[in-house]
Amino acid sequence: MCSVKAEFQVRPAQPGDIEQLCAFAKDFLKKLNVESSVANVPLVFERILSSPDLGIVLVADSNKELCGYAYAAYLWRTEFGETMDLVTLFTAESWRKKGVGRSLVAGLVEVAKRRNIRRISAEVRPENFAIERALESSGFDPERRTLWGMSV
């Protein structure tokens, strides 16, 4: 989607980015075999962008073409106060291994510091070594917890 030779910048997502964000998210969801969630994608981005207290979406932008995005939700936890939970980190295939993921994570860290957030966490699927490397190189430490879930 983006030219490999172009530079990119990290910035907060804007309403005009929703179409490209939806294309990335739909591709990502199909790879995770959760295509039933695809219909919700536009609503999710519209809600997050219109309600900044819910979270933030940062994009890597190269000449108005998105190279990747990071979505983090703000959560309140008794042990940490306000926290940031990295929900999605996605880099377009042609931009992988070019620092996009690390730059997006660095952008989230800066946002967290400005909001006085003391804790950022991320859930990573066991087979997603690329995100593990990006998080580790950004200063994250692995924490082993068991995640439980239930569809309702």
Protein backbone atom coordinates (compact mmCIF):
# COMPACT_ATOMS: atom_id res chain seq x y z
CA MET A 1 0.00 0.00 0.00
CA CYS A 2 2.89 2.38 0.77
CA SER A 3 6.00 2.97 -1.25
CA VAL A 4 8.93 1.30 0.50
CA LYS A 5 11.31 4.21 -0.23
CA ALA A 6 9.08 6.88 1.28
CA GLU A 7 9.42 8.07 4.86
CA PHE A 8 6.53 7.87 7.29
CA GLN A 9 5.29 9.89 10.22
CA VAL A 10 3.28 8.78 13.24
CA ARG A 11 0.22 10.85 14.07
CA PRO A 12 -3.22 10.46 15.65
CA ALA A 13 -5.80 8.97 13.30
CA GLN A 14 -8.36 11.33 11.79
CA PRO A 15 -11.87 10.63 10.44
CA GLY A 16 -10.47 10.72 6.89
CA ASP A 17 -8.31 7.66 7.75
CA ILE A 18 -11.25 5.40 8.59
CA GLU A 19 -11.53 3.81 5.14
CA GLN A 20 -7.86 2.73 5.12
CA LEU A 21 -8.03 1.67 8.78
CA CYS A 22 -11.07 -0.49 8.02
CA ALA A 23 -9.26 -2.18 5.13
CA PHE A 24 -6.32 -3.02 7.41
CA ALA A 25 -8.57 -4.21 10.24
CA LYS A 26 -10.73 -6.37 7.99
CA ASP A 27 -7.62 -8.06 6.56
CA PHE A 28 -6.28 -8.58 10.09
CA LEU A 29 -9.58 -10.08 11.32
CA LYS A 30 -9.77 -12.47 8.37
CA LYS A 31 -6.28 -13.76 9.19
CA LEU A 32 -7.45 -14.37 12.77
CA ASN A 33 -10.53 -16.24 11.49
CA VAL A 34 -12.93 -13.83 13.19
CA GLU A 35 -14.63 -12.57 10.05
CA SER A 36 -17.91 -12.33 11.95
CA SER A 37 -16.50 -9.16 13.56
CA VAL A 38 -15.78 -7.42 10.22
CA ALA A 39 -19.15 -5.65 10.16
CA ASN A 40 -18.29 -3.86 13.43
CA VAL A 41 -15.01 -2.36 12.18
CA PRO A 42 -16.26 1.03 10.88
CA LEU A 43 -18.35 1.59 14.01
CA VAL A 44 -15.39 0.77 16.27
CA PHE A 45 -13.10 3.31 14.58
CA GLU A 46 -15.83 5.98 14.45
CA ARG A 47 -16.56 5.51 18.15
CA ILE A 48 -12.91 5.62 19.22
CA LEU A 49 -12.11 8.68 17.11
CA SER A 50 -15.16 10.54 18.42
CA SER A 51 -14.59 9.54 22.09
CA PRO A 52 -10.96 10.25 22.98
CA ASP A 53 -11.43 9.05 26.57
CA LEU A 54 -11.95 5.48 25.26
CA GLY A 55 -8.53 5.19 23.66
CA ILE A 56 -6.34 6.34 20.81
CA VAL A 57 -5.54 5.21 17.30
CA LEU A 58 -2.16 6.24 15.93
CA VAL A 59 -1.27 5.79 12.28
CA ALA A 60 1.98 5.63 10.35
CA ASP A 61 1.42 7.82 7.31
CA SER A 62 3.47 8.08 4.13
CA ASN A 63 2.13 10.63 1.66
CA LYS A 64 -1.48 10.12 2.79
CA GLU A 65 -1.20 6.34 2.51
CA LEU A 66 -1.29 4.46 5.80
CA CYS A 67 1.55 2.07 6.52
CA GLY A 68 0.17 0.76 9.79
CA TYR A 69 -1.76 1.62 12.92
CA ALA A 70 -1.87 1.05 16.65
CA TYR A 71 -5.03 1.09 18.72
CA ALA A 72 -4.80 1.36 22.49
CA ALA A 73 -7.70 1.49 24.96
CA TYR A 74 -7.64 3.38 28.23
CA LEU A 75 -8.63 1.27 31.23
CA TRP A 76 -8.81 1.93 34.95
CA ARG A 77 -7.32 -0.68 37.27
CA THR A 78 -7.22 -0.51 41.04
CA GLU A 79 -3.53 -1.43 41.19
CA PHE A 80 -2.30 1.11 38.59
CA GLY A 81 -4.95 3.78 38.07
CA GLU A 82 -5.41 4.66 34.41
CA THR A 83 -3.63 2.21 32.12
CA MET A 84 -3.19 1.80 28.40
CA ASP A 85 -3.95 -1.54 26.79
CA LEU A 86 -2.43 -2.03 23.33
CA VAL A 87 -5.25 -3.76 21.47
CA THR A 88 -3.95 -3.81 17.89
CA LEU A 89 -0.58 -3.18 16.28
CA PHE A 90 -0.69 -3.64 12.52
CA THR A 91 1.89 -2.90 9.83
CA ALA A 92 1.18 -3.18 6.10
CA GLU A 93 3.10 -6.07 4.62
CA SER A 94 5.33 -3.88 2.43
CA TRP A 95 6.37 -1.85 5.51
CA ARG A 96 7.28 -4.71 7.84
CA LYS A 97 10.81 -4.71 9.31
CA LYS A 98 11.15 -0.98 8.59
CA GLY A 99 10.50 0.37 12.10
CA VAL A 100 6.80 1.15 11.67
CA GLY A 101 5.66 -1.03 14.59
CA ARG A 102 8.37 0.29 16.92
CA SER A 103 7.53 3.87 15.93
CA LEU A 104 3.83 3.33 16.62
CA VAL A 105 4.63 1.83 20.04
CA ALA A 106 6.96 4.77 20.78
CA GLY A 107 4.10 7.11 19.89
CA LEU A 108 1.79 5.30 22.33
CA VAL A 109 4.43 5.57 25.06
CA GLU A 110 4.56 9.34 24.52
CA VAL A 111 0.78 9.59 24.72
CA ALA A 112 0.83 7.55 27.94
CA LYS A 113 3.43 9.87 29.48
CA ARG A 114 1.37 12.96 28.59
CA ARG A 115 -1.69 11.38 30.26
CA ASN A 116 0.37 10.36 33.34
CA ILE A 117 -0.34 6.70 32.61
CA ARG A 118 2.08 4.49 34.53
CA ARG A 119 1.32 1.16 32.87
CA ILE A 120 0.97 -0.09 29.28
CA SER A 121 0.08 -3.70 28.58
CA ALA A 122 -0.38 -5.74 25.43
CA GLU A 123 -1.97 -9.09 24.72
CA VAL A 124 -0.03 -11.03 22.08
CA ARG A 125 -1.04 -14.26 20.40
CA PRO A 126 1.61 -16.95 21.00
CA GLU A 127 2.50 -17.25 17.30
CA ASN A 128 2.97 -13.51 16.75
CA PHE A 129 6.74 -13.23 17.14
CA ALA A 130 6.96 -9.97 15.16
CA ILE A 131 4.89 -8.08 17.71
CA GLU A 132 6.81 -9.69 20.55
CA ARG A 133 10.05 -8.39 19.01
CA ALA A 134 8.59 -4.90 18.51
CA LEU A 135 7.39 -4.77 22.11
CA GLU A 136 10.62 -6.15 23.53
CA SER A 137 12.73 -3.66 21.56
CA SER A 138 10.46 -0.91 22.90
CA GLY A 139 11.16 -1.86 26.53
CA PHE A 140 8.22 -4.16 27.30
CA ASP A 141 8.82 -7.21 29.48
CA PRO A 142 6.83 -10.42 29.04
CA GLU A 143 4.35 -11.17 31.78
CA ARG A 144 2.87 -14.61 31.83
CA ARG A 145 -0.82 -14.56 32.65
CA THR A 146 -3.70 -16.69 31.59
CA LEU A 147 -6.31 -14.81 29.62
CA TRP A 148 -9.85 -16.04 29.92
CA GLY A 149 -12.68 -14.95 27.67
CA MET A 150 -16.31 -15.60 26.90
CA SER A 151 -18.43 -14.60 23.95
CA VAL A 152 -21.79 -13.14 24.93
